[in-house]
Structures are given as C-alpha cells and as structure tokens.
C-alpha atoms as a PDB file:
ATOM      1  CA  UNK A   1    -247.669 109.243  50.390  1.00  0.00           C
ATOM      2  CA  UNK A   2    -244.134 107.613  49.465  1.00  0.00           C
ATOM      3  CA  UNK A   3    -241.076 109.039  51.503  1.00  0.00           C
ATOM      4  CA  UNK A   4    -237.587 107.974  50.340  1.00  0.00           C
ATOM      5  CA  UNK A   5    -234.718 108.691  53.084  1.00  0.00           C
ATOM      6  CA  UNK A   6    -231.807 110.700  52.665  1.00  0.00           C
ATOM      7  CA  UNK A   7    -228.910 109.003  53.572  1.00  0.00           C
ATOM      8  CA  UNK A   8    -228.788 111.198  56.873  1.00  0.00           C
ATOM      9  CA  UNK A   9    -231.783 110.042  57.644  1.00  0.00           C
ATOM     10  CA  UNK A  10    -231.237 106.273  57.051  1.00  0.00           C
ATOM     11  CA  UNK A  11    -228.604 107.362  59.422  1.00  0.00           C
ATOM     12  CA  UNK A  12    -230.719 108.352  61.886  1.00  0.00           C
ATOM     13  CA  UNK A  13    -233.463 105.520  61.203  1.00  0.00           C
ATOM     14  CA  UNK A  14    -230.029 102.790  61.660  1.00  0.00           C
ATOM     15  CA  UNK A  15    -229.555 104.882  65.240  1.00  0.00           C
ATOM     16  CA  UNK A  16    -233.162 104.034  66.313  1.00  0.00           C
ATOM     17  CA  UNK A  17    -232.919 100.583  65.300  1.00  0.00           C
ATOM     18  CA  UNK A  18    -229.833 100.033  66.773  1.00  0.00           C
ATOM     19  CA  UNK A  19    -231.418 101.393  70.413  1.00  0.00           C
ATOM     20  CA  UNK A  20    -234.214  98.841  69.502  1.00  0.00           C
ATOM     21  CA  UNK A  21    -231.448  96.090  69.300  1.00  0.00           C
ATOM     22  CA  UNK A  22    -230.022  96.993  72.533  1.00  0.00           C
ATOM     23  CA  UNK A  23    -233.018  96.944  74.061  1.00  0.00           C
ATOM     24  CA  UNK A  24    -234.065  93.322  72.644  1.00  0.00           C
ATOM     25  CA  UNK A  25    -230.622  92.574  73.605  1.00  0.00           C
ATOM     26  CA  UNK A  26    -231.223  93.285  77.335  1.00  0.00           C
ATOM     27  CA  UNK A  27    -234.501  91.175  76.909  1.00  0.00           C
ATOM     28  CA  UNK A  28    -232.490  88.735  75.873  1.00  0.00           C
ATOM     29  CA  UNK A  29    -230.126  88.746  78.792  1.00  0.00           C
ATOM     30  CA  UNK A  30    -232.432  88.205  81.249  1.00  0.00           C
ATOM     31  CA  UNK A  31    -235.415  86.280  79.637  1.00  0.00           C
ATOM     32  CA  UNK A  32    -235.705  82.760  81.402  1.00  0.00           C
ATOM     33  CA  UNK A  33    -238.717  80.722  82.714  1.00  0.00           C
ATOM     34  CA  UNK A  34    -239.751  82.335  86.187  1.00  0.00           C
ATOM     35  CA  UNK A  35    -239.639  85.777  84.445  1.00  0.00           C
ATOM     36  CA  UNK A  36    -242.687  88.263  83.613  1.00  0.00           C
ATOM     37  CA  UNK A  37    -243.364  89.872  80.506  1.00  0.00           C
ATOM     38  CA  UNK A  38    -243.979  93.012  82.292  1.00  0.00           C
ATOM     39  CA  UNK A  39    -240.590  92.817  84.047  1.00  0.00           C
ATOM     40  CA  UNK A  40    -239.234  92.601  80.385  1.00  0.00           C
ATOM     41  CA  UNK A  41    -240.902  95.659  79.737  1.00  0.00           C
ATOM     42  CA  UNK A  42    -239.390  97.865  82.819  1.00  0.00           C
ATOM     43  CA  UNK A  43    -236.032  96.974  81.630  1.00  0.00           C
ATOM     44  CA  UNK A  44    -236.856  98.008  78.329  1.00  0.00           C
ATOM     45  CA  UNK A  45    -238.509 100.974  79.002  1.00  0.00           C
ATOM     46  CA  UNK A  46    -235.816 102.388  81.153  1.00  0.00           C
ATOM     47  CA  UNK A  47    -232.584 101.454  78.682  1.00  0.00           C
ATOM     48  CA  UNK A  48    -235.036 103.703  76.114  1.00  0.00           C
ATOM     49  CA  UNK A  49    -235.392 106.738  78.176  1.00  0.00           C
ATOM     50  CA  UNK A  50    -231.367 106.606  79.317  1.00  0.00           C
ATOM     51  CA  UNK A  51    -230.455 106.987  75.927  1.00  0.00           C
ATOM     52  CA  UNK A  52    -233.057 109.724  75.403  1.00  0.00           C
ATOM     53  CA  UNK A  53    -235.216 108.318  73.477  1.00  0.00           C
ATOM     54  CA  UNK A  54    -239.174 107.136  73.698  1.00  0.00           C
ATOM     55  CA  UNK A  55    -240.619 104.034  73.352  1.00  0.00           C
ATOM     56  CA  UNK A  56    -242.141 103.798  70.032  1.00  0.00           C
ATOM     57  CA  UNK A  57    -245.427 101.501  70.696  1.00  0.00           C
ATOM     58  CA  UNK A  58    -246.182 102.683  74.412  1.00  0.00           C
ATOM     59  CA  UNK A  59    -249.327 104.998  74.012  1.00  0.00           C
ATOM     60  CA  UNK A  60    -249.027 104.482  70.043  1.00  0.00           C
ATOM     61  CA  UNK A  61    -253.696 103.960  69.287  1.00  0.00           C
ATOM     62  CA  UNK A  62    -253.604 103.187  72.770  1.00  0.00           C
ATOM     63  CA  UNK A  63    -251.499 100.407  73.325  1.00  0.00           C
ATOM     64  CA  UNK A  64    -250.132 100.218  76.969  1.00  0.00           C
ATOM     65  CA  UNK A  65    -246.270  98.652  76.660  1.00  0.00           C
ATOM     66  CA  UNK A  66    -243.015  99.640  75.369  1.00  0.00           C
ATOM     67  CA  UNK A  67    -242.548  95.806  74.474  1.00  0.00           C
ATOM     68  CA  UNK A  68    -245.340  93.910  72.500  1.00  0.00           C
ATOM     69  CA  UNK A  69    -244.516  90.498  74.033  1.00  0.00           C
ATOM     70  CA  UNK A  70    -246.362  87.306  72.322  1.00  0.00           C
ATOM     71  CA  UNK A  71    -246.406  83.911  73.687  1.00  0.00           C
ATOM     72  CA  UNK A  72    -246.343  80.658  71.822  1.00  0.00           C
ATOM     73  CA  UNK A  73    -249.792  80.511  69.312  1.00  0.00           C
ATOM     74  CA  UNK A  74    -249.682  84.573  69.667  1.00  0.00           C
ATOM     75  CA  UNK A  75    -248.729  85.709  66.970  1.00  0.00           C
ATOM     76  CA  UNK A  76    -248.105  89.544  67.462  1.00  0.00           C
ATOM     77  CA  UNK A  77    -249.598  92.776  69.615  1.00  0.00           C
ATOM     78  CA  UNK A  78    -249.156  90.622  73.362  1.00  0.00           C
ATOM     79  CA  UNK A  79    -249.160  92.505  75.934  1.00  0.00           C
ATOM     80  CA  UNK A  80    -246.876  92.149  78.355  1.00  0.00           C
ATOM     81  CA  UNK A  81    -248.684  90.673  81.911  1.00  0.00           C
ATOM     82  CA  UNK A  82    -247.184  88.942  84.640  1.00  0.00           C
ATOM     83  CA  UNK A  83    -247.505  85.433  84.100  1.00  0.00           C
ATOM     84  CA  UNK A  84    -244.477  83.994  84.295  1.00  0.00           C
ATOM     85  CA  UNK A  85    -242.266  82.426  81.066  1.00  0.00           C
ATOM     86  CA  UNK A  86    -241.943  78.537  81.458  1.00  0.00           C
ATOM     87  CA  UNK A  87    -239.858  76.399  80.274  1.00  0.00           C
ATOM     88  CA  UNK A  88    -240.198  75.349  76.553  1.00  0.00           C
ATOM     89  CA  UNK A  89    -242.314  78.174  75.559  1.00  0.00           C
ATOM     90  CA  UNK A  90    -241.348  80.372  72.228  1.00  0.00           C
ATOM     91  CA  UNK A  91    -241.437  84.398  72.976  1.00  0.00           C
ATOM     92  CA  UNK A  92    -241.752  86.652  69.996  1.00  0.00           C
ATOM     93  CA  UNK A  93    -240.837  90.314  71.171  1.00  0.00           C
ATOM     94  CA  UNK A  94    -241.406  93.506  69.059  1.00  0.00           C
ATOM     95  CA  UNK A  95    -239.799  97.039  70.077  1.00  0.00           C
ATOM     96  CA  UNK A  96    -240.146 100.195  68.518  1.00  0.00           C
ATOM     97  CA  UNK A  97    -238.192 103.561  69.467  1.00  0.00           C
ATOM     98  CA  UNK A  98    -238.452 106.652  68.707  1.00  0.00           C
ATOM     99  CA  UNK A  99    -235.584 109.130  68.452  1.00  0.00           C
ATOM    100  CA  UNK A 100    -234.281 112.335  66.678  1.00  0.00           C
ATOM    101  CA  UNK A 101    -237.235 112.391  64.636  1.00  0.00           C
ATOM    102  CA  UNK A 102    -237.129 108.919  63.775  1.00  0.00           C
ATOM    103  CA  UNK A 103    -238.280 105.729  64.416  1.00  0.00           C
ATOM    104  CA  UNK A 104    -236.969 102.154  64.552  1.00  0.00           C
ATOM    105  CA  UNK A 105    -238.529  98.789  64.823  1.00  0.00           C
ATOM    106  CA  UNK A 106    -237.014  95.234  64.834  1.00  0.00           C
ATOM    107  CA  UNK A 107    -238.439  92.203  66.409  1.00  0.00           C
ATOM    108  CA  UNK A 108    -236.968  88.674  67.217  1.00  0.00           C
ATOM    109  CA  UNK A 109    -238.733  85.510  68.785  1.00  0.00           C
ATOM    110  CA  UNK A 110    -236.804  83.548  71.753  1.00  0.00           C
ATOM    111  CA  UNK A 111    -236.881  79.990  72.702  1.00  0.00           C
ATOM    112  CA  UNK A 112    -236.567  79.291  76.538  1.00  0.00           C
ATOM    113  CA  UNK A 113    -235.419  75.839  77.312  1.00  0.00           C
ATOM    114  CA  UNK A 114    -235.941  72.548  75.276  1.00  0.00           C
ATOM    115  CA  UNK A 115    -238.034  73.225  72.471  1.00  0.00           C
ATOM    116  CA  UNK A 116    -239.055  70.087  70.215  1.00  0.00           C
ATOM    117  CA  UNK A 117    -237.543  69.506  66.440  1.00  0.00           C
ATOM    118  CA  UNK A 118    -241.051  70.848  64.736  1.00  0.00           C
ATOM    119  CA  UNK A 119    -241.291  74.494  66.959  1.00  0.00           C
ATOM    120  CA  UNK A 120    -237.054  75.166  66.560  1.00  0.00           C
ATOM    121  CA  UNK A 121    -237.807  74.381  62.845  1.00  0.00           C
ATOM    122  CA  UNK A 122    -241.307  77.111  62.351  1.00  0.00           C
ATOM    123  CA  UNK A 123    -238.340  79.423  64.099  1.00  0.00           C
ATOM    124  CA  UNK A 124    -235.517  78.787  61.356  1.00  0.00           C
ATOM    125  CA  UNK A 125    -237.956  78.935  58.872  1.00  0.00           C
ATOM    126  CA  UNK A 126    -239.477  82.009  59.727  1.00  0.00           C
ATOM    127  CA  UNK A 127    -236.567  83.640  60.579  1.00  0.00           C
ATOM    128  CA  UNK A 128    -234.847  82.835  57.149  1.00  0.00           C
ATOM    129  CA  UNK A 129    -238.039  83.796  55.199  1.00  0.00           C
ATOM    130  CA  UNK A 130    -236.865  87.168  56.737  1.00  0.00           C
ATOM    131  CA  UNK A 131    -233.981  87.033  54.831  1.00  0.00           C
ATOM    132  CA  UNK A 132    -235.048  85.878  51.866  1.00  0.00           C
ATOM    133  CA  UNK A 133    -237.771  88.691  51.662  1.00  0.00           C
ATOM    134  CA  UNK A 134    -235.188  91.130  52.605  1.00  0.00           C
ATOM    135  CA  UNK A 135    -232.112  89.843  49.177  1.00  0.00           C
ATOM    136  CA  UNK A 136    -235.531  90.215  47.526  1.00  0.00           C
ATOM    137  CA  UNK A 137    -235.755  93.856  48.351  1.00  0.00           C
ATOM    138  CA  UNK A 138    -233.373  96.067  45.469  1.00  0.00           C
ATOM    139  CA  UNK A 139    -233.798  98.954  43.790  1.00  0.00           C
ATOM    140  CA  UNK A 140    -235.735  97.841  40.277  1.00  0.00           C
ATOM    141  CA  UNK A 141    -237.811  94.566  42.166  1.00  0.00           C
ATOM    142  CA  UNK A 142    -241.185  95.185  43.629  1.00  0.00           C
ATOM    143  CA  UNK A 143    -243.498  95.131  46.492  1.00  0.00           C
ATOM    144  CA  UNK A 144    -244.620  91.486  45.132  1.00  0.00           C
ATOM    145  CA  UNK A 145    -241.049  89.779  45.348  1.00  0.00           C
ATOM    146  CA  UNK A 146    -240.685  90.355  48.529  1.00  0.00           C
ATOM    147  CA  UNK A 147    -243.911  88.400  49.613  1.00  0.00           C
ATOM    148  CA  UNK A 148    -243.561  86.004  47.266  1.00  0.00           C
ATOM    149  CA  UNK A 149    -239.897  85.174  48.250  1.00  0.00           C
ATOM    150  CA  UNK A 150    -241.065  84.994  52.081  1.00  0.00           C
ATOM    151  CA  UNK A 151    -244.304  83.100  51.194  1.00  0.00           C
ATOM    152  CA  UNK A 152    -243.227  81.013  48.312  1.00  0.00           C
ATOM    153  CA  UNK A 153    -240.391  79.319  50.837  1.00  0.00           C
ATOM    154  CA  UNK A 154    -242.596  79.005  53.814  1.00  0.00           C
ATOM    155  CA  UNK A 155    -245.760  77.960  52.194  1.00  0.00           C
ATOM    156  CA  UNK A 156    -244.832  75.733  49.215  1.00  0.00           C
ATOM    157  CA  UNK A 157    -241.618  74.486  50.917  1.00  0.00           C
ATOM    158  CA  UNK A 158    -242.930  74.355  54.316  1.00  0.00           C
ATOM    159  CA  UNK A 159    -246.539  73.751  54.380  1.00  0.00           C
ATOM    160  CA  UNK A 160    -246.889  76.994  57.066  1.00  0.00           C
ATOM    161  CA  UNK A 161    -249.577  79.656  57.147  1.00  0.00           C
ATOM    162  CA  UNK A 162    -248.306  82.867  56.328  1.00  0.00           C
ATOM    163  CA  UNK A 163    -250.555  85.618  57.889  1.00  0.00           C
ATOM    164  CA  UNK A 164    -252.530  87.551  55.745  1.00  0.00           C
ATOM    165  CA  UNK A 165    -253.825  90.383  58.074  1.00  0.00           C
ATOM    166  CA  UNK A 166    -250.819  91.846  59.101  1.00  0.00           C
ATOM    167  CA  UNK A 167    -248.067  93.318  56.917  1.00  0.00           C
ATOM    168  CA  UNK A 168    -244.409  94.999  57.296  1.00  0.00           C
ATOM    169  CA  UNK A 169    -244.729  98.776  56.529  1.00  0.00           C
ATOM    170  CA  UNK A 170    -243.037 101.841  55.571  1.00  0.00           C
ATOM    171  CA  UNK A 171    -241.130 103.304  58.670  1.00  0.00           C
ATOM    172  CA  UNK A 172    -239.401 106.821  59.056  1.00  0.00           C
ATOM    173  CA  UNK A 173    -240.478 110.135  60.702  1.00  0.00           C
ATOM    174  CA  UNK A 174    -243.996 108.128  61.241  1.00  0.00           C
ATOM    175  CA  UNK A 175    -244.120 104.169  62.929  1.00  0.00           C
ATOM    176  CA  UNK A 176    -246.278 103.132  59.881  1.00  0.00           C
ATOM    177  CA  UNK A 177    -245.726 104.573  56.345  1.00  0.00           C
ATOM    178  CA  UNK A 178    -246.593 103.605  53.063  1.00  0.00           C
ATOM    179  CA  UNK A 179    -246.135 101.395  51.271  1.00  0.00           C
ATOM    180  CA  UNK A 180    -247.160  98.196  53.244  1.00  0.00           C
ATOM    181  CA  UNK A 181    -245.033  95.476  52.438  1.00  0.00           C
ATOM    182  CA  UNK A 182    -247.251  92.452  52.776  1.00  0.00           C
ATOM    183  CA  UNK A 183    -245.352  89.202  53.324  1.00  0.00           C
ATOM    184  CA  UNK A 184    -247.065  86.978  50.937  1.00  0.00           C
ATOM    185  CA  UNK A 185    -247.364  88.023  47.182  1.00  0.00           C
ATOM    186  CA  UNK A 186    -246.873  87.396  43.059  1.00  0.00           C
ATOM    187  CA  UNK A 187    -243.713  87.998  41.681  1.00  0.00           C
ATOM    188  CA  UNK A 188    -243.508  91.574  39.514  1.00  0.00           C
ATOM    189  CA  UNK A 189    -246.875  93.002  41.367  1.00  0.00           C
ATOM    190  CA  UNK A 190    -246.797  96.096  43.718  1.00  0.00           C
ATOM    191  CA  UNK A 191    -245.076  99.274  44.043  1.00  0.00           C
ATOM    192  CA  UNK A 192    -241.714  99.487  42.329  1.00  0.00           C
ATOM    193  CA  UNK A 193    -238.879  99.646  44.721  1.00  0.00           C
ATOM    194  CA  UNK A 194    -236.369 102.138  44.599  1.00  0.00           C
ATOM    195  CA  UNK A 195    -233.033 103.538  46.746  1.00  0.00           C
ATOM    196  CA  UNK A 196    -234.053 105.503  49.864  1.00  0.00           C
ATOM    197  CA  UNK A 197    -237.536 103.360  50.604  1.00  0.00           C
ATOM    198  CA  UNK A 198    -237.236 102.064  54.265  1.00  0.00           C
ATOM    199  CA  UNK A 199    -239.260  99.676  54.890  1.00  0.00           C
ATOM    200  CA  UNK A 200    -239.718  96.806  58.528  1.00  0.00           C
ATOM    201  CA  UNK A 201    -240.124  93.301  57.082  1.00  0.00           C
ATOM    202  CA  UNK A 202    -241.639  91.083  59.163  1.00  0.00           C
ATOM    203  CA  UNK A 203    -242.648  87.991  58.562  1.00  0.00           C
ATOM    204  CA  UNK A 204    -245.135  86.041  60.495  1.00  0.00           C
ATOM    205  CA  UNK A 205    -245.889  82.477  60.315  1.00  0.00           C
ATOM    206  CA  UNK A 206    -248.232  79.652  61.780  1.00  0.00           C
ATOM    207  CA  UNK A 207    -247.296  76.211  62.186  1.00  0.00           C
ATOM    208  CA  UNK A 208    -250.939  75.816  60.929  1.00  0.00           C
ATOM    209  CA  UNK A 209    -253.632  77.352  58.840  1.00  0.00           C
ATOM    210  CA  UNK A 210    -252.979  81.207  58.279  1.00  0.00           C
ATOM    211  CA  UNK A 211    -255.634  82.695  59.733  1.00  0.00           C
ATOM    212  CA  UNK A 212    -255.681  84.392  62.835  1.00  0.00           C
ATOM    213  CA  UNK A 213    -257.838  85.967  65.664  1.00  0.00           C
ATOM    214  CA  UNK A 214    -258.294  89.097  67.795  1.00  0.00           C
ATOM    215  CA  UNK A 215    -258.051  87.805  71.905  1.00  0.00           C
ATOM    216  CA  UNK A 216    -260.798  89.622  73.845  1.00  0.00           C
ATOM    217  CA  UNK A 217    -257.600  92.175  75.484  1.00  0.00           C
ATOM    218  CA  UNK A 218    -258.342  93.775  71.781  1.00  0.00           C
ATOM    219  CA  UNK A 219    -254.560  93.873  70.799  1.00  0.00           C
ATOM    220  CA  UNK A 220    -253.052  90.180  70.949  1.00  0.00           C
ATOM    221  CA  UNK A 221    -253.088  88.321  67.833  1.00  0.00           C
ATOM    222  CA  UNK A 222    -253.111  84.750  67.795  1.00  0.00           C
ATOM    223  CA  UNK A 223    -253.161  81.831  65.557  1.00  0.00           C
ATOM    224  CA  UNK A 224    -256.908  80.940  65.210  1.00  0.00           C
ATOM    225  CA  UNK A 225    -256.185  77.314  65.261  1.00  0.00           C
ATOM    226  CA  UNK A 226    -254.098  77.467  68.500  1.00  0.00           C
ATOM    227  CA  UNK A 227    -250.420  76.060  66.706  1.00  0.00           C
ATOM    228  CA  UNK A 228    -247.436  78.156  67.427  1.00  0.00           C
ATOM    229  CA  UNK A 229    -246.371  81.539  65.574  1.00  0.00           C
ATOM    230  CA  UNK A 230    -243.377  83.219  65.132  1.00  0.00           C
ATOM    231  CA  UNK A 231    -242.070  86.611  64.176  1.00  0.00           C
ATOM    232  CA  UNK A 232    -238.819  88.273  63.337  1.00  0.00           C
ATOM    233  CA  UNK A 233    -238.429  91.623  62.339  1.00  0.00           C
ATOM    234  CA  UNK A 234    -235.661  93.970  60.652  1.00  0.00           C
ATOM    235  CA  UNK A 235    -235.714  97.200  58.901  1.00  0.00           C
ATOM    236  CA  UNK A 236    -233.971  98.128  55.840  1.00  0.00           C
ATOM    237  CA  UNK A 237    -233.575 100.268  53.105  1.00  0.00           C
ATOM    238  CA  UNK A 238    -233.552  99.037  49.756  1.00  0.00           C
ATOM    239  CA  UNK A 239    -230.245  99.714  47.299  1.00  0.00           C
ATOM    240  CA  UNK A 240    -229.616  98.994  44.059  1.00  0.00           C
ATOM    241  CA  UNK A 241    -227.567  95.955  44.323  1.00  0.00           C
ATOM    242  CA  UNK A 242    -228.469  94.737  47.994  1.00  0.00           C
ATOM    243  CA  UNK A 243    -230.370  96.816  51.009  1.00  0.00           C
ATOM    244  CA  UNK A 244    -228.853  97.283  53.859  1.00  0.00           C
ATOM    245  CA  UNK A 245    -230.163  96.243  57.341  1.00  0.00           C
ATOM    246  CA  UNK A 246    -230.475  99.036  59.814  1.00  0.00           C
ATOM    247  CA  UNK A 247    -231.602  96.871  62.797  1.00  0.00           C
ATOM    248  CA  UNK A 248    -228.783  93.968  64.038  1.00  0.00           C
ATOM    249  CA  UNK A 249    -230.189  91.014  65.926  1.00  0.00           C
ATOM    250  CA  UNK A 250    -226.119  90.410  66.204  1.00  0.00           C
ATOM    251  CA  UNK A 251    -226.258  92.253  69.646  1.00  0.00           C
ATOM    252  CA  UNK A 252    -229.268  90.245  70.460  1.00  0.00           C
ATOM    253  CA  UNK A 253    -227.774  86.885  69.334  1.00  0.00           C
ATOM    254  CA  UNK A 254    -224.982  87.730  71.347  1.00  0.00           C
ATOM    255  CA  UNK A 255    -226.516  87.545  74.718  1.00  0.00           C
ATOM    256  CA  UNK A 256    -228.535  84.611  73.728  1.00  0.00           C
ATOM    257  CA  UNK A 257    -224.890  82.721  73.627  1.00  0.00           C
ATOM    258  CA  UNK A 258    -224.139  84.141  77.239  1.00  0.00           C
ATOM    259  CA  UNK A 259    -227.911  82.995  78.296  1.00  0.00           C
ATOM    260  CA  UNK A 260    -228.097  79.469  79.290  1.00  0.00           C
ATOM    261  CA  UNK A 261    -232.027  79.624  79.657  1.00  0.00           C
ATOM    262  CA  UNK A 262    -232.149  80.385  75.887  1.00  0.00           C
ATOM    263  CA  UNK A 263    -232.065  77.900  72.673  1.00  0.00           C
ATOM    264  CA  UNK A 264    -229.010  79.020  70.930  1.00  0.00           C
ATOM    265  CA  UNK A 265    -229.470  76.298  68.101  1.00  0.00           C
ATOM    266  CA  UNK A 266    -231.715  79.187  66.028  1.00  0.00           C
ATOM    267  CA  UNK A 267    -229.152  81.862  65.859  1.00  0.00           C
ATOM    268  CA  UNK A 268    -227.788  82.056  62.495  1.00  0.00           C
ATOM    269  CA  UNK A 269    -228.262  85.777  61.502  1.00  0.00           C
ATOM    270  CA  UNK A 270    -224.687  85.465  60.686  1.00  0.00           C
ATOM    271  CA  UNK A 271    -225.050  82.908  58.016  1.00  0.00           C
ATOM    272  CA  UNK A 272    -228.607  84.226  56.866  1.00  0.00           C
ATOM    273  CA  UNK A 273    -227.273  87.642  55.775  1.00  0.00           C
ATOM    274  CA  UNK A 274    -225.850  85.715  53.080  1.00  0.00           C
ATOM    275  CA  UNK A 275    -229.238  83.619  51.977  1.00  0.00           C
END
C-alpha cells in the first residue's frame, strides 16, 4: 500500500528530516581523526532526545545504535564502535528520527583529512547522482526513471558499481513504506509517481564492482571487492514540476566548512540542487 501525504503531513516529515540533519550537522562539527563512532552516536542521540524525539534506528529490527556509521569499503548499516577514525577515512553516516508520529531519514559521507582525487571523485559522483535521481522524481514519471538517472550517471559515465541489494524507500508514519526506490532501473518502468508521495532516495555506490557482502556482525554491508563506497540520502516529496527536498544537507556542510579536519572540496549541495 502506497500512502500519499497531505501538506500537513509533509510538513511534519520535514521537521523530522531537519532534526536528522541537525544531528548530522552536530556530528560534522565534531568528527575528526581520533574520534570514535560511539562518541558520535552518543552526541546524536542526546541531540535528538533533547528535541523530544526518538532515534528511528535504535532498536529497529534489533539495531543497537542511533547512527549507522560505515567507513571506507563499508556501504551501509555499520555499527558504531570504539575504533578511532583515521586521516584519509571516508565515513558514511545515516540517521533517522521519529517525531510527531512521522519519521525522517538522511545520510551524508564525510571525508577526513587528505583524500586522493579518485576518492574525491567517488564522493562527488555519488552526491551528484542523488540530485539527478531527485530531478527525475516528478509526478507522471516512474520509479524506474529515478533509478535510471542514478545508474546511468554512475555506471555508464564513471564505471562505478551501483549496489542492487539495498534501495531507497517510502517513508512517513513508518520508517520503511512502499514503494521501494532502487538506484538502478529502466526509463518508463515501475510505479507511476504522484504528487504527495514521500520517498527516501539514497544512492549507494562502490568504486569497483556492484556486489556486496554482509559482515559477521549481521548488519554491516561492505563492497565485496574491498573498494571504497559512498552513500548520500535525501527524503523528498514528489510534486508536479520539481520535487521538494525535505532534508537539508546545507546544515551539515555549514559545519563541515568550519571543521579543519573534514575535506571541503566535496561540498556542492547548493550547486547540485539545480542539477
């Protein structure tokens, strides 16, 4: 069952998404080599609860933490640990909140210190592909148009591997609702997009082959060939002319700009919003 949202419901989802991005912005202000994922997790949980909301991921199907923190070759669903981040790491952080009976969801990949041009390109391409997918998410288009836009850009242009096993999703009163939103597909295929559909679009892209594996912790998904992976996510609402982006990565990038330990070259949200 696909649930279309009223304007009032969309606004409540936006508030949940903005809280997610506030939590990620707090993380962005603190993340650096020597900090641990568990330290970031505590900070995010405290901020969310201070806003009288709940972490959406903690306890979801048994997940133990507030944040999914995935480093380097880890794609998604990484469990925060006491291992310190290192210079040159790329760190994908996914966060969800539950507030006023609605969920919010967003993710961002951080680059710590000096990274290679090859790694920078992976982050920029993945981030750009997110906005290309959003640009395809207008009323009258189909789910396959979103996936095609992402896949064609990442695979055809850059020969990256777009992960198949994990997809975006509808979101609202439940964290995961219909429809599924793959990051690959064919134009004109899949369910037709209608105004009021709220979905999370989240390209997960490997700097190598598309295949992934699950690690022994039962949660973390990593690239099968050990290559680096990037992940960006927005929650959006489908409209007739142009989708509304309900999450706001500018909050995150404003903090990145002040943090000397995070690479700033990949900050492109203002530009990409017009892709």
